């Protein structure tokens, strides 16, 4: 038991002040990092929603041109993405933030019930 006196020596232990200071520094780092992660998530969800709106707008325009319809025609969701996957979109786009997409007539941008519009891509938000 030659080394047993070193295991219990106060010289090798952390003091309460050192532990509290470490916790304080970690708390400051988290208070800076967490809001940035939250903001990045919101931006990713918004960009995903706008991307879906862009796909809906493209499919709507393609449907109107292929069927020689007037620009103010409003295709139904069943015409853009039928159940068998042969439509202009392979699947029904879903909003990651729980919104519902409205297709609108051909001369208007599609919108999401959470406030995003495909116009953000063109108009520059």
Protein backbone atom coordinates (compact mmCIF):
# COMPACT_ATOMS: atom_id res chain seq x y z
CA UNK A 1 0.00 0.00 0.00
CA UNK A 2 2.74 2.33 -0.88
CA UNK A 3 0.57 4.70 -3.01
CA UNK A 4 -2.55 4.84 -0.84
CA UNK A 5 -1.63 8.17 0.72
CA UNK A 6 -1.77 9.84 -2.73
CA UNK A 7 -5.33 8.71 -3.44
CA UNK A 8 -6.80 10.63 -0.53
CA UNK A 9 -4.48 13.61 -0.63
CA UNK A 10 -6.25 16.99 -1.12
CA UNK A 11 -3.46 17.91 -3.51
CA UNK A 12 -5.04 15.75 -6.27
CA UNK A 13 -8.72 16.64 -5.77
CA UNK A 14 -10.76 19.35 -7.50
CA UNK A 15 -12.02 22.14 -5.32
CA UNK A 16 -15.65 23.23 -5.26
CA UNK A 17 -14.67 26.56 -6.84
CA UNK A 18 -12.99 24.81 -9.78
CA UNK A 19 -16.03 22.61 -10.39
CA UNK A 20 -18.43 25.57 -10.15
CA UNK A 21 -16.27 27.60 -12.52
CA UNK A 22 -16.28 24.73 -15.05
CA UNK A 23 -20.06 24.42 -14.83
CA UNK A 24 -20.37 28.20 -15.25
CA UNK A 25 -18.24 28.18 -18.42
CA UNK A 26 -20.25 25.27 -19.86
CA UNK A 27 -23.46 27.17 -19.09
CA UNK A 28 -22.21 30.24 -20.94
CA UNK A 29 -21.23 28.15 -23.97
CA UNK A 30 -24.66 26.48 -24.03
CA UNK A 31 -26.46 29.81 -23.73
CA UNK A 32 -24.65 30.95 -26.87
CA UNK A 33 -24.92 27.69 -28.85
CA UNK A 34 -28.54 26.63 -28.23
CA UNK A 35 -30.21 29.73 -29.78
CA UNK A 36 -28.03 29.32 -32.88
CA UNK A 37 -29.14 25.69 -33.25
CA UNK A 38 -32.79 26.69 -32.85
CA UNK A 39 -32.45 29.42 -35.48
CA UNK A 40 -30.71 27.02 -37.89
CA UNK A 41 -33.54 24.50 -37.47
CA UNK A 42 -36.18 27.16 -38.18
CA UNK A 43 -34.34 28.24 -41.32
CA UNK A 44 -34.03 24.64 -42.51
CA UNK A 45 -37.76 24.01 -42.00
CA UNK A 46 -38.63 27.27 -43.81
CA UNK A 47 -36.33 26.45 -46.74
CA UNK A 48 -37.82 22.97 -46.98
CA UNK A 49 -41.31 24.46 -47.07
CA UNK A 50 -40.33 26.96 -49.78
CA UNK A 51 -38.72 24.14 -51.78
CA UNK A 52 -41.98 22.18 -51.62
CA UNK A 53 -43.89 25.27 -52.77
CA UNK A 54 -41.50 25.64 -55.68
CA UNK A 55 -42.12 22.01 -56.70
CA UNK A 56 -45.89 22.52 -56.48
CA UNK A 57 -45.63 25.67 -58.62
CA UNK A 58 -43.54 23.84 -61.22
CA UNK A 59 -45.99 20.90 -61.32
CA UNK A 60 -48.96 23.28 -61.60
CA UNK A 61 -47.35 25.18 -64.49
CA UNK A 62 -46.42 21.94 -66.27
CA UNK A 63 -49.97 20.61 -65.89
CA UNK A 64 -51.47 23.84 -67.29
CA UNK A 65 -49.11 23.85 -70.29
CA UNK A 66 -49.51 20.13 -71.05
CA UNK A 67 -53.30 20.37 -71.02
CA UNK A 68 -53.46 23.69 -72.93
CA UNK A 69 -55.40 25.41 -70.14
CA UNK A 70 -55.72 29.09 -69.41
CA UNK A 71 -53.29 30.60 -66.93
CA UNK A 72 -55.99 31.11 -64.32
CA UNK A 73 -56.87 27.38 -64.24
CA UNK A 74 -56.49 25.73 -60.85
CA UNK A 75 -55.45 22.07 -60.97
CA UNK A 76 -56.58 19.85 -58.12
CA UNK A 77 -54.12 17.93 -55.95
CA UNK A 78 -55.37 14.69 -57.54
CA UNK A 79 -54.29 15.98 -60.96
CA UNK A 80 -50.81 16.94 -59.78
CA UNK A 81 -50.02 13.86 -57.69
CA UNK A 82 -52.35 10.92 -58.32
CA UNK A 83 -52.27 7.84 -56.12
CA UNK A 84 -50.41 5.67 -58.61
CA UNK A 85 -47.34 7.96 -58.65
CA UNK A 86 -47.61 8.91 -62.33
CA UNK A 87 -48.44 12.59 -61.78
CA UNK A 88 -46.28 15.67 -61.99
CA UNK A 89 -45.14 15.06 -58.42
CA UNK A 90 -44.34 11.54 -57.21
CA UNK A 91 -45.68 12.12 -53.71
CA UNK A 92 -47.78 14.61 -51.82
CA UNK A 93 -45.48 17.28 -50.38
CA UNK A 94 -45.86 17.78 -46.64
CA UNK A 95 -44.84 20.82 -44.65
CA UNK A 96 -42.31 20.05 -41.92
CA UNK A 97 -43.85 22.67 -39.65
CA UNK A 98 -47.35 21.20 -39.94
CA UNK A 99 -48.74 23.64 -42.50
CA UNK A 100 -51.14 22.86 -45.34
CA UNK A 101 -50.31 23.80 -48.92
CA UNK A 102 -52.84 25.66 -51.10
CA UNK A 103 -52.22 25.26 -54.83
CA UNK A 104 -54.06 28.42 -56.08
CA UNK A 105 -54.74 29.24 -59.75
CA UNK A 106 -51.93 29.27 -62.29
CA UNK A 107 -51.42 33.03 -62.13
CA UNK A 108 -50.83 32.98 -58.32
CA UNK A 109 -48.11 31.44 -56.21
CA UNK A 110 -48.93 28.46 -54.01
CA UNK A 111 -48.95 29.24 -50.28
CA UNK A 112 -48.48 27.42 -47.01
CA UNK A 113 -50.85 27.96 -44.10
CA UNK A 114 -47.81 28.85 -41.96
CA UNK A 115 -47.14 31.96 -44.05
CA UNK A 116 -44.42 30.84 -46.47
CA UNK A 117 -44.90 31.53 -50.17
CA UNK A 118 -42.95 30.50 -53.21
CA UNK A 119 -42.61 34.22 -53.93
CA UNK A 120 -39.80 34.32 -51.34
CA UNK A 121 -37.59 32.58 -53.90
CA UNK A 122 -38.35 35.08 -56.65
CA UNK A 123 -38.90 38.23 -54.60
CA UNK A 124 -35.93 37.69 -52.31
CA UNK A 125 -37.64 37.56 -48.88
